[in-house]
Amino acid sequence: MSKANASTNKKTDEAFDAMSILSHLNELRIRVTHAMVGLLVTTAIALFFTQTLLQVVSQPYCEGLVLPNSVPDEDCAQQLITLSPTENIEIYFKLALTAGAMLAMPWFLLQAWKFIEPGLHRHEKKYVYVFVPAASLLFLAGAAFSWFILLPAAINFLANFMSDIITSQWRLAEYVDFVRDFVFWLGVSFEMPLVFYFLARFGIVSSQALKEQWRFAIVGIAIMAAIITPSVDPVTMLLTMAPLTVLYIFSIFLSIIGYRQFNRAGLNRDE
């Protein structure tokens, strides 16, 4: 009789686990759907100012490129070329999609929080009011840091490298992709300290683990920098790795605070 009960309980547990997985997948589907709807809305809004945005995006190229005397400064954006009939419209919608994704970042963060929220304690759910605004501000800070500091330096180096014997005339599609990856993904990377803080706050990681795995972190940062900057030159890659390394060190300090708060909350619950 006991064997039969044990077998029944095992089947019940397996059915419960299957239902749990299916419920998580269904929740993930809902959150992804909501995120995509938000992206469609913000992309539709971005379509109204994409042409102006394209002019703004061309400014780092104009400021970093040493133009021939025959080319006026106001015409420098026309030095960017397209090579296919559909390239102009592809760039237009790609830029609108990128702008839409940046506008929708707070909405993306909220949906990510809503996905993990069922697994949090009641007192932990209130951190959504900290996570979403703080992560959004960090994203903007990273994008601004990339736009005003890293991107001009990288473009100035690349556009004028061997400029005495080579005339630089970049393809617009590749230039837009370069700027998009640099600004967007560095903005996302700036959210790393906050993510590690909450992982430590919920007891998932500790500062000690981050310290011990620093070698793997450097390798991961190098891979991330290579993805963000699709360029083979070491200068651009090092420009990207430097702030990412600083962010990782800052993440360690924040994880110390978060893990202490986690231990303190555990002691309070035990009492």
C-alpha atoms as a PDB file:
ATOM      1  CA  MET A   1       0.000   0.000   0.000  1.00  0.00           C
ATOM      2  CA  SER A   2       2.848   2.342   0.849  1.00  0.00           C
ATOM      3  CA  LYS A   3       4.508   1.621  -2.493  1.00  0.00           C
ATOM      4  CA  ALA A   4       1.281   2.513  -4.287  1.00  0.00           C
ATOM      5  CA  ASN A   5       1.024   5.773  -2.339  1.00  0.00           C
ATOM      6  CA  ALA A   6       4.645   6.610  -3.071  1.00  0.00           C
ATOM      7  CA  SER A   7       4.072   5.970  -6.766  1.00  0.00           C
ATOM      8  CA  THR A   8       0.962   8.159  -6.735  1.00  0.00           C
ATOM      9  CA  ASN A   9       2.796  10.954  -4.922  1.00  0.00           C
ATOM     10  CA  LYS A  10       5.656  10.779  -7.439  1.00  0.00           C
ATOM     11  CA  LYS A  11       3.253  11.078 -10.364  1.00  0.00           C
ATOM     12  CA  THR A  12       1.525  13.992  -8.622  1.00  0.00           C
ATOM     13  CA  ASP A  13       4.861  15.778  -8.120  1.00  0.00           C
ATOM     14  CA  GLU A  14       5.816  15.212 -11.761  1.00  0.00           C
ATOM     15  CA  ALA A  15       2.449  16.555 -12.902  1.00  0.00           C
ATOM     16  CA  PHE A  16       2.865  19.581 -10.627  1.00  0.00           C
ATOM     17  CA  ASP A  17       6.381  20.242 -12.028  1.00  0.00           C
ATOM     18  CA  ALA A  18       5.036  19.955 -15.584  1.00  0.00           C
ATOM     19  CA  MET A  19       2.233  22.396 -14.782  1.00  0.00           C
ATOM     20  CA  SER A  20       4.750  24.739 -13.153  1.00  0.00           C
ATOM     21  CA  ILE A  21       6.961  24.709 -16.251  1.00  0.00           C
ATOM     22  CA  LEU A  22       3.953  25.271 -18.507  1.00  0.00           C
ATOM     23  CA  SER A  23       2.756  28.163 -16.340  1.00  0.00           C
ATOM     24  CA  HIS A  24       6.216  29.755 -16.480  1.00  0.00           C
ATOM     25  CA  LEU A  25       6.308  29.361 -20.255  1.00  0.00           C
ATOM     26  CA  ASN A  26       2.844  30.863 -20.522  1.00  0.00           C
ATOM     27  CA  GLU A  27       3.899  33.798 -18.326  1.00  0.00           C
ATOM     28  CA  LEU A  28       6.998  34.255 -20.487  1.00  0.00           C
ATOM     29  CA  ARG A  29       4.810  34.294 -23.601  1.00  0.00           C
ATOM     30  CA  ILE A  30       2.568  36.946 -22.077  1.00  0.00           C
ATOM     31  CA  ARG A  31       5.486  39.167 -21.067  1.00  0.00           C
ATOM     32  CA  VAL A  32       7.220  38.837 -24.444  1.00  0.00           C
ATOM     33  CA  THR A  33       3.930  39.651 -26.191  1.00  0.00           C
ATOM     34  CA  HIS A  34       3.417  42.736 -24.031  1.00  0.00           C
ATOM     35  CA  ALA A  35       7.005  43.820 -24.700  1.00  0.00           C
ATOM     36  CA  MET A  36       6.557  43.435 -28.465  1.00  0.00           C
ATOM     37  CA  VAL A  37       3.307  45.416 -28.401  1.00  0.00           C
ATOM     38  CA  GLY A  38       5.100  48.205 -26.559  1.00  0.00           C
ATOM     39  CA  LEU A  39       7.934  48.059 -29.107  1.00  0.00           C
ATOM     40  CA  LEU A  40       5.455  48.400 -31.982  1.00  0.00           C
ATOM     41  CA  VAL A  41       3.915  51.484 -30.354  1.00  0.00           C
ATOM     42  CA  THR A  42       7.235  53.215 -29.690  1.00  0.00           C
ATOM     43  CA  THR A  43       8.562  52.310 -33.143  1.00  0.00           C
ATOM     44  CA  ALA A  44       5.454  53.832 -34.729  1.00  0.00           C
ATOM     45  CA  ILE A  45       6.120  57.006 -32.740  1.00  0.00           C
ATOM     46  CA  ALA A  46       9.798  56.989 -33.769  1.00  0.00           C
ATOM     47  CA  LEU A  47       8.840  56.852 -37.459  1.00  0.00           C
ATOM     48  CA  PHE A  48       7.725  60.496 -37.233  1.00  0.00           C
ATOM     49  CA  PHE A  49      11.224  61.775 -36.367  1.00  0.00           C
ATOM     50  CA  THR A  50      13.484  59.148 -37.957  1.00  0.00           C
ATOM     51  CA  GLN A  51      14.720  61.485 -40.686  1.00  0.00           C
ATOM     52  CA  THR A  52      15.788  64.043 -38.100  1.00  0.00           C
ATOM     53  CA  LEU A  53      17.349  61.238 -36.059  1.00  0.00           C
ATOM     54  CA  LEU A  54      19.377  60.137 -39.085  1.00  0.00           C
ATOM     55  CA  GLN A  55      20.812  63.633 -39.370  1.00  0.00           C
ATOM     56  CA  VAL A  56      21.723  63.548 -35.682  1.00  0.00           C
ATOM     57  CA  VAL A  57      23.333  60.102 -36.024  1.00  0.00           C
ATOM     58  CA  SER A  58      25.531  61.386 -38.867  1.00  0.00           C
ATOM     59  CA  GLN A  59      26.995  64.155 -36.685  1.00  0.00           C
ATOM     60  CA  PRO A  60      29.779  62.059 -35.051  1.00  0.00           C
ATOM     61  CA  TYR A  61      30.935  61.105 -38.541  1.00  0.00           C
ATOM     62  CA  CYS A  62      30.888  64.739 -39.651  1.00  0.00           C
ATOM     63  CA  GLU A  63      32.797  65.894 -36.582  1.00  0.00           C
ATOM     64  CA  GLY A  64      35.357  63.093 -36.675  1.00  0.00           C
ATOM     65  CA  LEU A  65      36.118  63.058 -40.390  1.00  0.00           C
ATOM     66  CA  VAL A  66      38.806  65.287 -41.824  1.00  0.00           C
ATOM     67  CA  LEU A  67      37.120  66.481 -45.023  1.00  0.00           C
ATOM     68  CA  PRO A  68      38.844  67.565 -48.210  1.00  0.00           C
ATOM     69  CA  ASN A  69      38.851  71.308 -48.778  1.00  0.00           C
ATOM     70  CA  SER A  70      36.397  70.877 -51.655  1.00  0.00           C
ATOM     71  CA  VAL A  71      33.678  69.420 -49.394  1.00  0.00           C
ATOM     72  CA  PRO A  72      31.762  71.933 -47.209  1.00  0.00           C
ATOM     73  CA  ASP A  73      31.190  70.904 -43.587  1.00  0.00           C
ATOM     74  CA  GLU A  74      27.402  71.020 -43.998  1.00  0.00           C
ATOM     75  CA  ASP A  75      27.625  68.418 -46.804  1.00  0.00           C
ATOM     76  CA  CYS A  76      29.718  65.907 -44.877  1.00  0.00           C
ATOM     77  CA  ALA A  77      26.711  63.620 -44.225  1.00  0.00           C
ATOM     78  CA  GLN A  78      26.409  63.161 -47.982  1.00  0.00           C
ATOM     79  CA  GLN A  79      29.779  61.398 -47.920  1.00  0.00           C
ATOM     80  CA  LEU A  80      27.895  58.397 -46.445  1.00  0.00           C
ATOM     81  CA  ILE A  81      26.758  56.245 -49.366  1.00  0.00           C
ATOM     82  CA  THR A  82      24.227  53.503 -50.099  1.00  0.00           C
ATOM     83  CA  LEU A  83      24.858  50.702 -52.575  1.00  0.00           C
ATOM     84  CA  SER A  84      21.469  49.068 -53.160  1.00  0.00           C
ATOM     85  CA  PRO A  85      18.008  50.299 -54.262  1.00  0.00           C
ATOM     86  CA  THR A  86      16.295  49.300 -51.003  1.00  0.00           C
ATOM     87  CA  GLU A  87      19.065  50.296 -48.621  1.00  0.00           C
ATOM     88  CA  ASN A  88      17.639  53.736 -47.833  1.00  0.00           C
ATOM     89  CA  ILE A  89      14.277  52.430 -46.662  1.00  0.00           C
ATOM     90  CA  GLU A  90      15.929  49.544 -44.796  1.00  0.00           C
ATOM     91  CA  ILE A  91      18.077  52.028 -42.875  1.00  0.00           C
ATOM     92  CA  TYR A  92      15.032  54.201 -42.200  1.00  0.00           C
ATOM     93  CA  PHE A  93      13.035  51.415 -40.572  1.00  0.00           C
ATOM     94  CA  LYS A  94      16.071  49.936 -38.809  1.00  0.00           C
ATOM     95  CA  LEU A  95      16.796  53.289 -37.196  1.00  0.00           C
ATOM     96  CA  ALA A  96      13.129  53.685 -36.245  1.00  0.00           C
ATOM     97  CA  LEU A  97      13.179  50.226 -34.639  1.00  0.00           C
ATOM     98  CA  THR A  98      16.310  51.087 -32.652  1.00  0.00           C
ATOM     99  CA  ALA A  99      14.791  54.368 -31.462  1.00  0.00           C
ATOM    100  CA  GLY A 100      11.609  52.486 -30.560  1.00  0.00           C
ATOM    101  CA  ALA A 101      13.592  49.956 -28.522  1.00  0.00           C
ATOM    102  CA  MET A 102      15.334  52.757 -26.611  1.00  0.00           C
ATOM    103  CA  LEU A 103      12.026  54.487 -25.912  1.00  0.00           C
ATOM    104  CA  ALA A 104      10.497  51.190 -24.794  1.00  0.00           C
ATOM    105  CA  MET A 105      13.356  50.274 -22.435  1.00  0.00           C
ATOM    106  CA  PRO A 106      11.384  51.101 -19.228  1.00  0.00           C
ATOM    107  CA  TRP A 107       8.518  48.961 -20.544  1.00  0.00           C
ATOM    108  CA  PHE A 108      10.921  46.086 -21.305  1.00  0.00           C
ATOM    109  CA  LEU A 109      12.341  46.316 -17.784  1.00  0.00           C
ATOM    110  CA  LEU A 110       8.863  46.308 -16.267  1.00  0.00           C
ATOM    111  CA  GLN A 111       7.903  43.174 -18.211  1.00  0.00           C
ATOM    112  CA  ALA A 112      11.123  41.449 -17.114  1.00  0.00           C
ATOM    113  CA  TRP A 113      10.296  42.294 -13.496  1.00  0.00           C
ATOM    114  CA  LYS A 114       6.717  41.079 -13.897  1.00  0.00           C
ATOM    115  CA  PHE A 115       8.071  37.743 -15.115  1.00  0.00           C
ATOM    116  CA  ILE A 116      10.181  37.149 -11.988  1.00  0.00           C
ATOM    117  CA  GLU A 117       7.730  38.814  -9.585  1.00  0.00           C
ATOM    118  CA  PRO A 118       5.717  35.632  -8.734  1.00  0.00           C
ATOM    119  CA  GLY A 119       8.876  34.091  -7.231  1.00  0.00           C
ATOM    120  CA  LEU A 120       9.558  37.035  -4.925  1.00  0.00           C
ATOM    121  CA  HIS A 121       8.455  37.604  -1.349  1.00  0.00           C
ATOM    122  CA  ARG A 122       5.854  40.272  -0.698  1.00  0.00           C
ATOM    123  CA  HIS A 123       8.370  42.741   0.747  1.00  0.00           C
ATOM    124  CA  GLU A 124      10.657  42.185  -2.274  1.00  0.00           C
ATOM    125  CA  LYS A 125       8.022  43.057  -4.864  1.00  0.00           C
ATOM    126  CA  LYS A 126       8.123  46.717  -3.887  1.00  0.00           C
ATOM    127  CA  TYR A 127      11.629  46.985  -5.363  1.00  0.00           C
ATOM    128  CA  VAL A 128      10.038  47.357  -8.793  1.00  0.00           C
ATOM    129  CA  TYR A 129       9.726  51.068  -7.965  1.00  0.00           C
ATOM    130  CA  VAL A 130      13.517  51.181  -7.634  1.00  0.00           C
ATOM    131  CA  PHE A 131      14.553  48.730 -10.339  1.00  0.00           C
ATOM    132  CA  VAL A 132      12.685  50.139 -13.345  1.00  0.00           C
ATOM    133  CA  PRO A 133      13.518  53.867 -12.865  1.00  0.00           C
ATOM    134  CA  ALA A 134      17.126  53.175 -11.815  1.00  0.00           C
ATOM    135  CA  ALA A 135      17.786  50.741 -14.668  1.00  0.00           C
ATOM    136  CA  SER A 136      16.228  53.163 -17.159  1.00  0.00           C
ATOM    137  CA  LEU A 137      18.439  55.996 -15.913  1.00  0.00           C
ATOM    138  CA  LEU A 138      21.515  53.764 -16.100  1.00  0.00           C
ATOM    139  CA  PHE A 139      20.594  52.843 -19.676  1.00  0.00           C
ATOM    140  CA  LEU A 140      20.362  56.529 -20.586  1.00  0.00           C
ATOM    141  CA  ALA A 141      23.657  57.225 -18.808  1.00  0.00           C
ATOM    142  CA  GLY A 142      25.381  54.449 -20.741  1.00  0.00           C
ATOM    143  CA  ALA A 143      23.953  55.613 -24.062  1.00  0.00           C
ATOM    144  CA  ALA A 144      25.009  59.206 -23.307  1.00  0.00           C
ATOM    145  CA  PHE A 145      28.505  58.084 -22.243  1.00  0.00           C
ATOM    146  CA  SER A 146      28.864  56.159 -25.480  1.00  0.00           C
ATOM    147  CA  TRP A 147      27.487  58.990 -27.632  1.00  0.00           C
ATOM    148  CA  PHE A 148      29.441  61.890 -26.145  1.00  0.00           C
ATOM    149  CA  ILE A 149      32.725  60.215 -25.148  1.00  0.00           C
ATOM    150  CA  LEU A 150      33.439  56.810 -26.687  1.00  0.00           C
ATOM    151  CA  LEU A 151      31.799  57.136 -30.099  1.00  0.00           C
ATOM    152  CA  PRO A 152      33.534  60.394 -31.163  1.00  0.00           C
ATOM    153  CA  ALA A 153      36.930  58.979 -30.154  1.00  0.00           C
ATOM    154  CA  ALA A 154      36.318  55.712 -32.013  1.00  0.00           C
ATOM    155  CA  ILE A 155      35.018  57.392 -35.181  1.00  0.00           C
ATOM    156  CA  ASN A 156      37.819  59.959 -35.193  1.00  0.00           C
ATOM    157  CA  PHE A 157      40.399  57.170 -35.013  1.00  0.00           C
ATOM    158  CA  LEU A 158      38.764  54.936 -37.618  1.00  0.00           C
ATOM    159  CA  ALA A 159      37.845  57.673 -40.107  1.00  0.00           C
ATOM    160  CA  ASN A 160      41.265  59.306 -40.096  1.00  0.00           C
ATOM    161  CA  PHE A 161      43.469  56.238 -39.854  1.00  0.00           C
ATOM    162  CA  MET A 162      45.983  56.508 -42.734  1.00  0.00           C
ATOM    163  CA  SER A 163      43.948  59.408 -44.091  1.00  0.00           C
ATOM    164  CA  ASP A 164      46.998  60.728 -45.954  1.00  0.00           C
ATOM    165  CA  ILE A 165      46.844  57.843 -48.425  1.00  0.00           C
ATOM    166  CA  ILE A 166      43.246  56.550 -48.052  1.00  0.00           C
ATOM    167  CA  THR A 167      39.996  58.454 -48.595  1.00  0.00           C
ATOM    168  CA  SER A 168      37.297  57.336 -46.147  1.00  0.00           C
ATOM    169  CA  GLN A 169      33.794  57.105 -47.584  1.00  0.00           C
ATOM    170  CA  TRP A 170      31.686  54.876 -45.400  1.00  0.00           C
ATOM    171  CA  ARG A 171      28.572  52.937 -46.305  1.00  0.00           C
ATOM    172  CA  LEU A 172      25.556  54.378 -44.485  1.00  0.00           C
ATOM    173  CA  ALA A 173      24.080  50.998 -43.480  1.00  0.00           C
ATOM    174  CA  GLU A 174      27.304  49.850 -41.831  1.00  0.00           C
ATOM    175  CA  TYR A 175      27.811  53.207 -40.141  1.00  0.00           C
ATOM    176  CA  VAL A 176      24.269  53.189 -38.684  1.00  0.00           C
ATOM    177  CA  ASP A 177      24.796  49.612 -37.445  1.00  0.00           C
ATOM    178  CA  PHE A 178      28.081  50.660 -35.834  1.00  0.00           C
ATOM    179  CA  VAL A 179      26.502  53.613 -34.019  1.00  0.00           C
ATOM    180  CA  ARG A 180      23.433  51.579 -33.009  1.00  0.00           C
ATOM    181  CA  ASP A 181      25.467  48.730 -31.506  1.00  0.00           C
ATOM    182  CA  PHE A 182      27.810  51.137 -29.737  1.00  0.00           C
ATOM    183  CA  VAL A 183      25.104  53.287 -28.155  1.00  0.00           C
ATOM    184  CA  PHE A 184      22.345  50.746 -27.472  1.00  0.00           C
ATOM    185  CA  TRP A 185      24.378  47.858 -26.109  1.00  0.00           C
ATOM    186  CA  LEU A 186      26.673  50.027 -24.023  1.00  0.00           C
ATOM    187  CA  GLY A 187      23.522  51.526 -22.543  1.00  0.00           C
ATOM    188  CA  VAL A 188      22.326  48.025 -21.687  1.00  0.00           C
ATOM    189  CA  SER A 189      25.745  47.206 -20.217  1.00  0.00           C
ATOM    190  CA  PHE A 190      25.473  50.133 -17.805  1.00  0.00           C
ATOM    191  CA  GLU A 191      22.585  48.295 -16.127  1.00  0.00           C
ATOM    192  CA  MET A 192      25.010  45.565 -15.001  1.00  0.00           C
ATOM    193  CA  PRO A 193      25.732  46.952 -11.499  1.00  0.00           C
ATOM    194  CA  LEU A 194      22.035  47.228 -10.694  1.00  0.00           C
ATOM    195  CA  VAL A 195      21.358  43.695 -11.963  1.00  0.00           C
ATOM    196  CA  PHE A 196      24.151  42.276  -9.803  1.00  0.00           C
ATOM    197  CA  TYR A 197      22.898  44.256  -6.815  1.00  0.00           C
ATOM    198  CA  PHE A 198      19.446  42.683  -7.051  1.00  0.00           C
ATOM    199  CA  LEU A 199      20.899  39.228  -7.706  1.00  0.00           C
ATOM    200  CA  ALA A 200      22.873  39.622  -4.470  1.00  0.00           C
ATOM    201  CA  ARG A 201      19.880  41.176  -2.700  1.00  0.00           C
ATOM    202  CA  PHE A 202      17.848  38.041  -3.492  1.00  0.00           C
ATOM    203  CA  GLY A 203      20.726  35.726  -2.485  1.00  0.00           C
ATOM    204  CA  ILE A 204      21.452  34.422  -6.003  1.00  0.00           C
ATOM    205  CA  VAL A 205      25.076  35.638  -6.197  1.00  0.00           C
ATOM    206  CA  SER A 206      27.581  37.008  -3.700  1.00  0.00           C
ATOM    207  CA  SER A 207      30.404  39.501  -3.949  1.00  0.00           C
ATOM    208  CA  GLN A 208      32.855  36.743  -3.081  1.00  0.00           C
ATOM    209  CA  ALA A 209      31.777  34.759  -6.137  1.00  0.00           C
ATOM    210  CA  LEU A 210      32.211  37.821  -8.354  1.00  0.00           C
ATOM    211  CA  LYS A 211      35.698  38.412  -6.942  1.00  0.00           C
ATOM    212  CA  GLU A 212      36.768  34.812  -7.458  1.00  0.00           C
ATOM    213  CA  GLN A 213      35.482  34.689 -11.036  1.00  0.00           C
ATOM    214  CA  TRP A 214      37.162  37.914 -12.192  1.00  0.00           C
ATOM    215  CA  ARG A 215      39.230  36.089 -14.829  1.00  0.00           C
ATOM    216  CA  PHE A 216      36.101  34.715 -16.459  1.00  0.00           C
ATOM    217  CA  ALA A 217      34.545  38.167 -16.144  1.00  0.00           C
ATOM    218  CA  ILE A 218      37.417  39.740 -18.110  1.00  0.00           C
ATOM    219  CA  VAL A 219      36.982  37.155 -20.854  1.00  0.00           C
ATOM    220  CA  GLY A 220      33.238  37.811 -20.880  1.00  0.00           C
ATOM    221  CA  ILE A 221      33.849  41.570 -21.029  1.00  0.00           C
ATOM    222  CA  ALA A 222      36.220  41.103 -23.974  1.00  0.00           C
ATOM    223  CA  ILE A 223      33.605  39.014 -25.803  1.00  0.00           C
ATOM    224  CA  MET A 224      30.931  41.609 -25.032  1.00  0.00           C
ATOM    225  CA  ALA A 225      33.189  44.400 -26.287  1.00  0.00           C
ATOM    226  CA  ALA A 226      33.830  42.480 -29.503  1.00  0.00           C
ATOM    227  CA  ILE A 227      30.078  42.102 -30.023  1.00  0.00           C
ATOM    228  CA  ILE A 228      29.344  45.753 -29.265  1.00  0.00           C
ATOM    229  CA  THR A 229      32.093  46.987 -31.585  1.00  0.00           C
ATOM    230  CA  PRO A 230      32.090  44.896 -34.793  1.00  0.00           C
ATOM    231  CA  SER A 231      35.597  46.113 -35.601  1.00  0.00           C
ATOM    232  CA  VAL A 232      38.940  44.349 -35.617  1.00  0.00           C
ATOM    233  CA  ASP A 233      40.934  47.336 -34.356  1.00  0.00           C
ATOM    234  CA  PRO A 234      42.149  47.031 -30.742  1.00  0.00           C
ATOM    235  CA  VAL A 235      41.647  50.737 -29.954  1.00  0.00           C
ATOM    236  CA  THR A 236      37.847  50.661 -30.271  1.00  0.00           C
ATOM    237  CA  MET A 237      37.671  47.381 -28.375  1.00  0.00           C
ATOM    238  CA  LEU A 238      39.805  48.742 -25.515  1.00  0.00           C
ATOM    239  CA  LEU A 239      37.683  51.900 -25.397  1.00  0.00           C
ATOM    240  CA  THR A 240      34.667  49.643 -24.838  1.00  0.00           C
ATOM    241  CA  MET A 241      36.341  47.258 -22.389  1.00  0.00           C
ATOM    242  CA  ALA A 242      37.498  50.054 -20.070  1.00  0.00           C
ATOM    243  CA  PRO A 243      34.039  51.230 -18.891  1.00  0.00           C
ATOM    244  CA  LEU A 244      32.742  47.642 -18.799  1.00  0.00           C
ATOM    245  CA  THR A 245      35.577  46.653 -16.475  1.00  0.00           C
ATOM    246  CA  VAL A 246      34.860  49.627 -14.222  1.00  0.00           C
ATOM    247  CA  LEU A 247      31.185  48.640 -14.193  1.00  0.00           C
ATOM    248  CA  TYR A 248      32.098  45.094 -13.125  1.00  0.00           C
ATOM    249  CA  ILE A 249      34.209  46.411 -10.242  1.00  0.00           C
ATOM    250  CA  PHE A 250      31.342  48.694  -9.236  1.00  0.00           C
ATOM    251  CA  SER A 251      29.026  45.668  -9.419  1.00  0.00           C
ATOM    252  CA  ILE A 252      31.181  43.890  -6.834  1.00  0.00           C
ATOM    253  CA  PHE A 253      30.800  46.769  -4.373  1.00  0.00           C
ATOM    254  CA  LEU A 254      27.030  46.920  -4.917  1.00  0.00           C
ATOM    255  CA  SER A 255      26.741  43.147  -4.504  1.00  0.00           C
ATOM    256  CA  ILE A 256      28.431  43.469  -1.088  1.00  0.00           C
ATOM    257  CA  ILE A 257      25.649  45.824  -0.013  1.00  0.00           C
ATOM    258  CA  GLY A 258      22.948  43.664  -1.568  1.00  0.00           C
ATOM    259  CA  TYR A 259      24.184  40.431   0.012  1.00  0.00           C
ATOM    260  CA  ARG A 260      24.420  42.045   3.459  1.00  0.00           C
ATOM    261  CA  GLN A 261      20.812  43.179   3.090  1.00  0.00           C
ATOM    262  CA  PHE A 262      19.847  39.628   2.072  1.00  0.00           C
ATOM    263  CA  ASN A 263      21.519  38.136   5.161  1.00  0.00           C
ATOM    264  CA  ARG A 264      19.974  40.787   7.394  1.00  0.00           C
ATOM    265  CA  ALA A 265      16.510  40.072   5.988  1.00  0.00           C
ATOM    266  CA  GLY A 266      17.059  36.343   6.580  1.00  0.00           C
ATOM    267  CA  LEU A 267      17.964  36.939  10.207  1.00  0.00           C
ATOM    268  CA  ASN A 268      14.864  39.074  10.713  1.00  0.00           C
ATOM    269  CA  ARG A 269      12.646  36.334   9.275  1.00  0.00           C
ATOM    270  CA  ASP A 270      14.242  33.736  11.578  1.00  0.00           C
ATOM    271  CA  GLU A 271      13.510  35.901  14.596  1.00  0.00           C
END
